[in-house]
Amino acid sequence: MNLLETLATRPLVCDGAMGTQLIEAGLPTGACGVLWSVENADAVQDIHARYRDAGCDLLTTNTFQGSREALKMHNLSDRAGELNRRAAEIARAAAGDECAVLADCGPFGGFLEPLGDTTEEELMDIFVEQFSALHKGGADAALIETMSDTNEVAVAIKAAKQVTDWPAITTYASQKSGDGYTTMMGGSPEATIKASIDAGADIVGANCGTQLDLDDYLRLAEQLVAAAGDVPVILQPNAGSPQEIDGQLTYLATPEDMAQLAGKLLDAGVRVIGGCCGTRPEHLAAMSAVVKAG
């Protein structure tokens, strides 16, 4: 699939949560999910395959915390190239010719100067290493997700475009702030979208959110679409706002709830619809049916 060419003709469906699916498959609490692309590759590929069979057009590599800086907590920095390449190969095998593979890059885990000690040059090197390995493994586009710092996003886009001429997708995590929504760093939808577009992003939007219900995601989507102009918008909501049940956070939105939201997001102008925390292949199957019928 050529992602941008296909998107020009119809909306696309991205996949849902990876982390919760890994845990359900047996990943121990606190263990490194990225390492499973080597140590339990069949389980990772099965997750991708179930999202593919649910109707998803885009499969996301198991590399959210795959940069060498993020892998430090597991003493795996020296294996960043290997783990990212292998994760992309697994997603590519599941995708076949039906789906595009998104090279997943999450926050590196620190702060750029002057808030932190990392320079833009150092961060550029970190992201280039990760995206290079993901590209070698067969990924089709860069997904820079769950971000809060527009400067970090700009560096990641630059790194992705240095590796190859592929689409760059950026999404920010949001929280309620008064009557609106901001990132953890205080960026509004208008500011974050403008920053991403100015930095060269091809698709812009949001994923995840702190205490956002399904109505919040719809209102956020409307703001994102208004800010993005002609640039396509992606939204990957959680399965509602989690509730604590028996000491555990549980996402209660049903596949039917998420399907209804998908229809509303389409009407609001969102072009790529997927899921984040708490969403499962069943949610994405219901959402995909609505997107592809519309």
Protein backbone atom coordinates (compact mmCIF):
# COMPACT_ATOMS: atom_id res chain seq x y z
CA MET A 1 0.00 0.00 0.00
CA ASN A 2 1.13 3.53 -0.81
CA LEU A 3 -0.19 5.23 2.31
CA LEU A 4 -0.64 8.79 1.05
CA GLU A 5 -2.01 7.77 -2.35
CA THR A 6 -4.56 5.47 -0.73
CA LEU A 7 -5.48 8.09 1.87
CA ALA A 8 -6.29 10.53 -0.93
CA THR A 9 -9.01 8.14 -2.08
CA ARG A 10 -10.51 6.92 1.22
CA PRO A 11 -10.15 7.10 5.01
CA LEU A 12 -7.79 4.60 6.61
CA VAL A 13 -7.98 2.49 9.75
CA CYS A 14 -4.96 2.24 12.03
CA ASP A 15 -4.58 -0.53 14.59
CA GLY A 16 -5.12 -0.37 18.35
CA ALA A 17 -3.19 -0.92 21.56
CA MET A 18 -0.05 -3.07 21.49
CA GLY A 19 1.01 -2.98 25.14
CA THR A 20 -2.18 -4.38 26.61
CA GLN A 21 -2.20 -7.11 23.99
CA LEU A 22 1.36 -8.09 24.92
CA ILE A 23 0.37 -8.28 28.59
CA GLU A 24 -2.62 -10.48 27.73
CA ALA A 25 -0.24 -12.70 25.77
CA GLY A 26 1.88 -13.17 28.90
CA LEU A 27 4.37 -10.28 29.03
CA PRO A 28 5.29 -9.92 32.72
CA THR A 29 4.66 -6.58 34.41
CA GLY A 30 7.69 -4.34 34.00
CA ALA A 31 9.29 -6.51 31.32
CA CYS A 32 10.50 -5.03 28.04
CA GLY A 33 7.81 -5.44 25.39
CA VAL A 34 10.19 -4.43 22.61
CA LEU A 35 12.39 -7.43 23.46
CA TRP A 36 9.51 -9.77 22.64
CA SER A 37 10.09 -9.04 18.95
CA VAL A 38 13.12 -11.32 19.36
CA GLU A 39 12.19 -13.54 22.29
CA ASN A 40 8.51 -14.16 21.48
CA ALA A 41 8.14 -13.10 17.87
CA ASP A 42 5.18 -15.40 17.22
CA ALA A 43 3.09 -13.62 19.87
CA VAL A 44 3.90 -10.20 18.41
CA GLN A 45 3.12 -11.33 14.88
CA ASP A 46 -0.17 -12.83 16.07
CA ILE A 47 -1.20 -9.45 17.49
CA HIS A 48 -0.42 -7.76 14.19
CA ALA A 49 -2.32 -10.46 12.30
CA ARG A 50 -5.42 -10.05 14.45
CA TYR A 51 -5.45 -6.30 13.79
CA ARG A 52 -4.97 -6.97 10.08
CA ASP A 53 -7.86 -9.42 10.09
CA ALA A 54 -9.97 -6.84 11.96
CA GLY A 55 -9.73 -4.62 8.89
CA CYS A 56 -6.89 -2.31 9.87
CA ASP A 57 -5.00 -0.72 6.99
CA LEU A 58 -2.02 0.36 9.10
CA LEU A 59 0.00 -1.87 11.45
CA THR A 60 2.26 -0.25 14.05
CA THR A 61 5.63 -1.77 14.93
CA ASN A 62 6.25 -2.96 18.49
CA THR A 63 8.82 -0.22 19.13
CA PHE A 64 7.09 2.50 21.15
CA GLN A 65 9.96 2.48 23.68
CA GLY A 66 12.48 1.26 21.15
CA SER A 67 15.01 4.09 21.01
CA ARG A 68 18.36 3.36 22.60
CA GLU A 69 17.64 6.00 25.25
CA ALA A 70 14.28 4.46 26.19
CA LEU A 71 15.86 0.98 26.21
CA LYS A 72 18.37 2.05 28.87
CA MET A 73 15.92 1.10 31.62
CA HIS A 74 16.21 -2.50 30.47
CA ASN A 75 19.97 -2.35 29.76
CA LEU A 76 19.26 -2.96 26.08
CA SER A 77 20.58 0.22 24.48
CA ASP A 78 23.22 -1.69 22.52
CA ARG A 79 20.50 -3.80 20.89
CA ALA A 80 18.34 -0.90 19.65
CA GLY A 81 19.17 -1.48 15.99
CA GLU A 82 18.52 -5.21 16.16
CA LEU A 83 15.23 -4.89 18.08
CA ASN A 84 13.79 -2.19 15.85
CA ARG A 85 14.72 -3.95 12.63
CA ARG A 86 13.25 -7.23 13.85
CA ALA A 87 10.04 -5.54 15.00
CA ALA A 88 9.58 -4.01 11.56
CA GLU A 89 10.21 -7.36 9.87
CA ILE A 90 7.52 -9.00 12.01
CA ALA A 91 4.97 -6.29 11.22
CA ARG A 92 5.91 -6.43 7.54
CA ALA A 93 5.33 -10.19 7.44
CA ALA A 94 1.88 -9.76 8.97
CA ALA A 95 0.98 -6.82 6.73
CA GLY A 96 1.78 -8.46 3.42
CA ASP A 97 0.56 -6.32 0.52
CA GLU A 98 -2.69 -5.45 2.29
CA CYS A 99 -1.42 -2.99 4.91
CA ALA A 100 1.19 -0.32 5.43
CA VAL A 101 3.63 -0.64 8.33
CA LEU A 102 4.16 2.34 10.63
CA ALA A 103 7.60 2.73 12.24
CA ASP A 104 6.58 3.53 15.81
CA CYS A 105 8.64 6.07 17.74
CA GLY A 106 7.56 7.29 21.17
CA PRO A 107 9.13 9.93 23.44
CA PHE A 108 12.80 9.29 24.14
CA GLY A 109 12.20 9.58 27.88
CA GLY A 110 14.06 12.77 28.71
CA PHE A 111 13.96 16.49 27.97
CA LEU A 112 15.77 18.62 25.47
CA GLU A 113 17.87 21.55 26.59
CA PRO A 114 17.25 23.83 28.42
CA LEU A 115 14.73 21.74 30.43
CA GLY A 116 17.01 18.70 30.27
CA ASP A 117 20.54 17.71 29.32
CA THR A 118 19.93 16.33 25.82
CA THR A 119 20.91 18.46 22.84
CA GLU A 120 19.00 18.42 19.56
CA GLU A 121 22.07 16.90 17.88
CA GLU A 122 22.16 14.03 20.39
CA LEU A 123 18.44 13.41 20.00
CA MET A 124 18.75 13.51 16.23
CA ASP A 125 21.31 10.71 16.40
CA ILE A 126 19.03 8.66 18.66
CA PHE A 127 16.04 8.96 16.34
CA VAL A 128 18.04 8.42 13.14
CA GLU A 129 19.35 5.14 14.57
CA GLN A 130 15.83 3.96 15.40
CA PHE A 131 14.21 5.01 12.12
CA SER A 132 17.09 3.59 10.07
CA ALA A 133 16.60 0.17 11.62
CA LEU A 134 12.82 0.34 11.20
CA HIS A 135 13.20 1.30 7.55
CA LYS A 136 15.62 -1.57 6.94
CA GLY A 137 13.05 -3.90 8.47
CA GLY A 138 10.43 -2.86 5.93
CA ALA A 139 8.37 -0.05 7.50
CA ASP A 140 6.53 2.28 5.11
CA ALA A 141 6.03 5.44 7.18
CA ALA A 142 7.18 7.03 10.45
CA LEU A 143 4.74 7.30 13.35
CA ILE A 144 5.92 9.79 15.99
CA GLU A 145 3.35 9.28 18.73
CA THR A 146 2.20 10.13 22.27
CA MET A 147 4.31 13.27 22.20
CA SER A 148 4.09 16.41 24.32
CA ASP A 149 7.10 18.53 23.24
CA THR A 150 6.86 20.19 19.83
CA ASN A 151 10.64 20.55 19.71
CA GLU A 152 11.13 16.81 20.21
CA VAL A 153 8.59 16.18 17.46
CA ALA A 154 10.42 18.52 15.08
CA VAL A 155 13.68 16.64 15.67
CA ALA A 156 11.95 13.29 15.13
CA ILE A 157 10.41 14.44 11.84
CA LYS A 158 13.78 15.71 10.66
CA ALA A 159 15.38 12.38 11.60
CA ALA A 160 12.68 10.37 9.82
CA LYS A 161 13.02 12.44 6.65
CA GLN A 162 16.80 12.12 6.75
CA VAL A 163 16.52 8.33 6.72
CA THR A 164 14.24 8.18 3.67
CA ASP A 165 11.50 10.01 1.82
CA TRP A 166 8.57 8.42 3.61
CA PRO A 167 5.45 9.95 5.19
CA ALA A 168 5.78 11.27 8.73
CA ILE A 169 2.77 11.02 11.06
CA THR A 170 2.73 12.91 14.37
CA THR A 171 0.34 12.51 17.28
CA TYR A 172 0.27 14.19 20.67
CA ALA A 173 -1.16 12.95 23.96
CA SER A 174 -3.76 15.30 25.43
CA GLN A 175 -5.32 16.20 28.74
CA LYS A 176 -8.18 18.45 29.79
CA SER A 177 -7.20 22.03 30.54
CA GLY A 178 -10.04 24.32 31.51
CA ASP A 179 -12.54 24.24 28.67
CA GLY A 180 -10.02 22.83 26.20
CA TYR A 181 -7.19 20.35 25.73
CA THR A 182 -3.42 20.65 25.96
CA THR A 183 -0.36 18.44 26.01
CA MET A 184 1.60 17.85 29.21
CA MET A 185 3.85 20.73 28.07
CA GLY A 186 0.88 23.05 27.66
CA GLY A 187 0.59 22.97 23.88
CA SER A 188 -2.88 23.58 22.45
CA PRO A 189 -4.22 21.62 19.47
CA GLU A 190 -3.66 24.66 17.29
CA ALA A 191 -0.05 25.12 18.43
CA THR A 192 0.94 21.46 18.21
CA ILE A 193 -0.62 20.96 14.78
CA LYS A 194 1.04 24.10 13.40
CA ALA A 195 4.41 23.03 14.80
CA SER A 196 4.12 19.57 13.25
CA ILE A 197 3.07 20.89 9.86
CA ASP A 198 5.83 23.51 9.88
CA ALA A 199 8.34 20.73 10.66
CA GLY A 200 7.19 18.68 7.66
CA ALA A 201 4.60 16.22 8.99
CA ASP A 202 2.35 14.66 6.34
CA ILE A 203 -0.43 13.52 8.72
CA VAL A 204 -1.12 15.17 12.09
CA GLY A 205 -3.31 14.54 15.10
CA ALA A 206 -3.57 12.97 18.52
CA ASN A 207 -3.55 9.66 20.32
CA CYS A 208 -4.19 8.73 23.92
CA GLY A 209 -5.42 11.13 26.58
CA THR A 210 -5.60 11.64 30.31
CA GLN A 211 -9.16 11.25 31.61
CA LEU A 212 -10.76 11.96 28.24
CA ASP A 213 -14.15 10.38 27.54
CA LEU A 214 -15.43 9.62 24.06
CA ASP A 215 -17.17 13.00 23.78
CA ASP A 216 -13.85 14.68 24.61
CA TYR A 217 -12.14 12.85 21.76
CA LEU A 218 -14.80 14.09 19.36
CA ARG A 219 -14.39 17.70 20.49
CA LEU A 220 -10.63 17.35 20.27
CA ALA A 221 -10.95 15.95 16.75
CA GLU A 222 -12.99 18.96 15.66
CA GLN A 223 -10.25 21.29 16.93
CA LEU A 224 -7.51 19.26 15.24
CA VAL A 225 -9.30 19.26 11.88
CA ALA A 226 -9.87 23.01 12.08
CA ALA A 227 -6.19 23.59 12.87
CA ALA A 228 -4.84 21.22 10.20
CA GLY A 229 -6.42 22.81 7.15
CA ASP A 230 -5.67 20.60 4.13
CA VAL A 231 -3.33 18.26 6.02
CA PRO A 232 -4.96 14.89 6.88
CA VAL A 233 -5.79 14.29 10.56
CA ILE A 234 -5.34 11.07 12.52
CA LEU A 235 -7.04 10.29 15.83
CA GLN A 236 -6.42 7.22 18.00
CA PRO A 237 -8.59 7.48 21.12
CA ASN A 238 -8.44 5.29 24.18
CA ALA A 239 -11.42 3.04 24.86
CA GLY A 240 -12.89 5.81 26.99
CA SER A 241 -11.62 7.09 30.30
CA PRO A 242 -10.41 4.21 32.51
CA GLN A 243 -12.18 3.31 35.74
CA GLU A 244 -10.59 1.59 38.73
CA ILE A 245 -12.18 -1.81 39.26
CA ASP A 246 -10.77 -4.22 41.83
CA GLY A 247 -7.60 -2.17 42.03
CA GLN A 248 -7.00 -2.14 38.28
CA LEU A 249 -7.62 0.50 35.65
CA THR A 250 -10.19 -0.83 33.19
CA TYR A 251 -11.33 0.68 29.91
CA LEU A 252 -15.08 0.20 29.56
CA ALA A 253 -15.93 1.45 26.07
CA THR A 254 -17.38 -1.41 24.04
CA PRO A 255 -16.73 -2.12 20.36
CA GLU A 256 -20.18 -0.66 19.67
CA ASP A 257 -19.25 2.54 21.56
CA MET A 258 -16.06 2.89 19.57
CA ALA A 259 -17.88 2.21 16.29
CA GLN A 260 -20.30 5.05 17.04
CA LEU A 261 -17.36 7.34 17.79
CA ALA A 262 -15.65 6.32 14.54
CA GLY A 263 -18.68 7.46 12.56
CA LYS A 264 -18.67 10.81 14.33
CA LEU A 265 -14.94 11.24 13.75
CA LEU A 266 -15.44 10.62 10.05
CA ASP A 267 -18.17 13.26 9.97
CA ALA A 268 -15.79 15.66 11.76
CA GLY A 269 -13.23 15.24 8.98
CA VAL A 270 -10.75 12.79 10.52
CA ARG A 271 -9.05 10.76 7.78
CA VAL A 272 -7.15 8.11 9.79
CA ILE A 273 -8.94 6.45 12.70
CA GLY A 274 -7.42 3.95 15.12
CA GLY A 275 -7.27 3.14 18.79
CA CYS A 276 -4.95 3.52 21.75
CA CYS A 277 -5.05 2.31 25.36
CA GLY A 278 -7.72 -0.29 26.06
CA THR A 279 -8.62 -0.92 22.43
CA ARG A 280 -8.49 -4.46 21.13
CA PRO A 281 -8.92 -6.15 17.73
CA GLU A 282 -12.64 -6.41 18.50
CA HIS A 283 -12.88 -2.63 18.88
CA LEU A 284 -10.97 -2.05 15.66
CA ALA A 285 -13.13 -4.53 13.74
CA ALA A 286 -16.24 -2.57 14.71
CA MET A 287 -14.58 0.74 13.91
CA SER A 288 -13.25 -0.53 10.60
CA ALA A 289 -16.69 -1.66 9.51
CA VAL A 290 -18.03 1.86 10.04
CA VAL A 291 -15.08 3.58 8.36
CA LYS A 292 -15.17 1.35 5.29
CA ALA A 293 -18.95 1.58 4.99
CA GLY A 294 -18.81 5.37 5.11
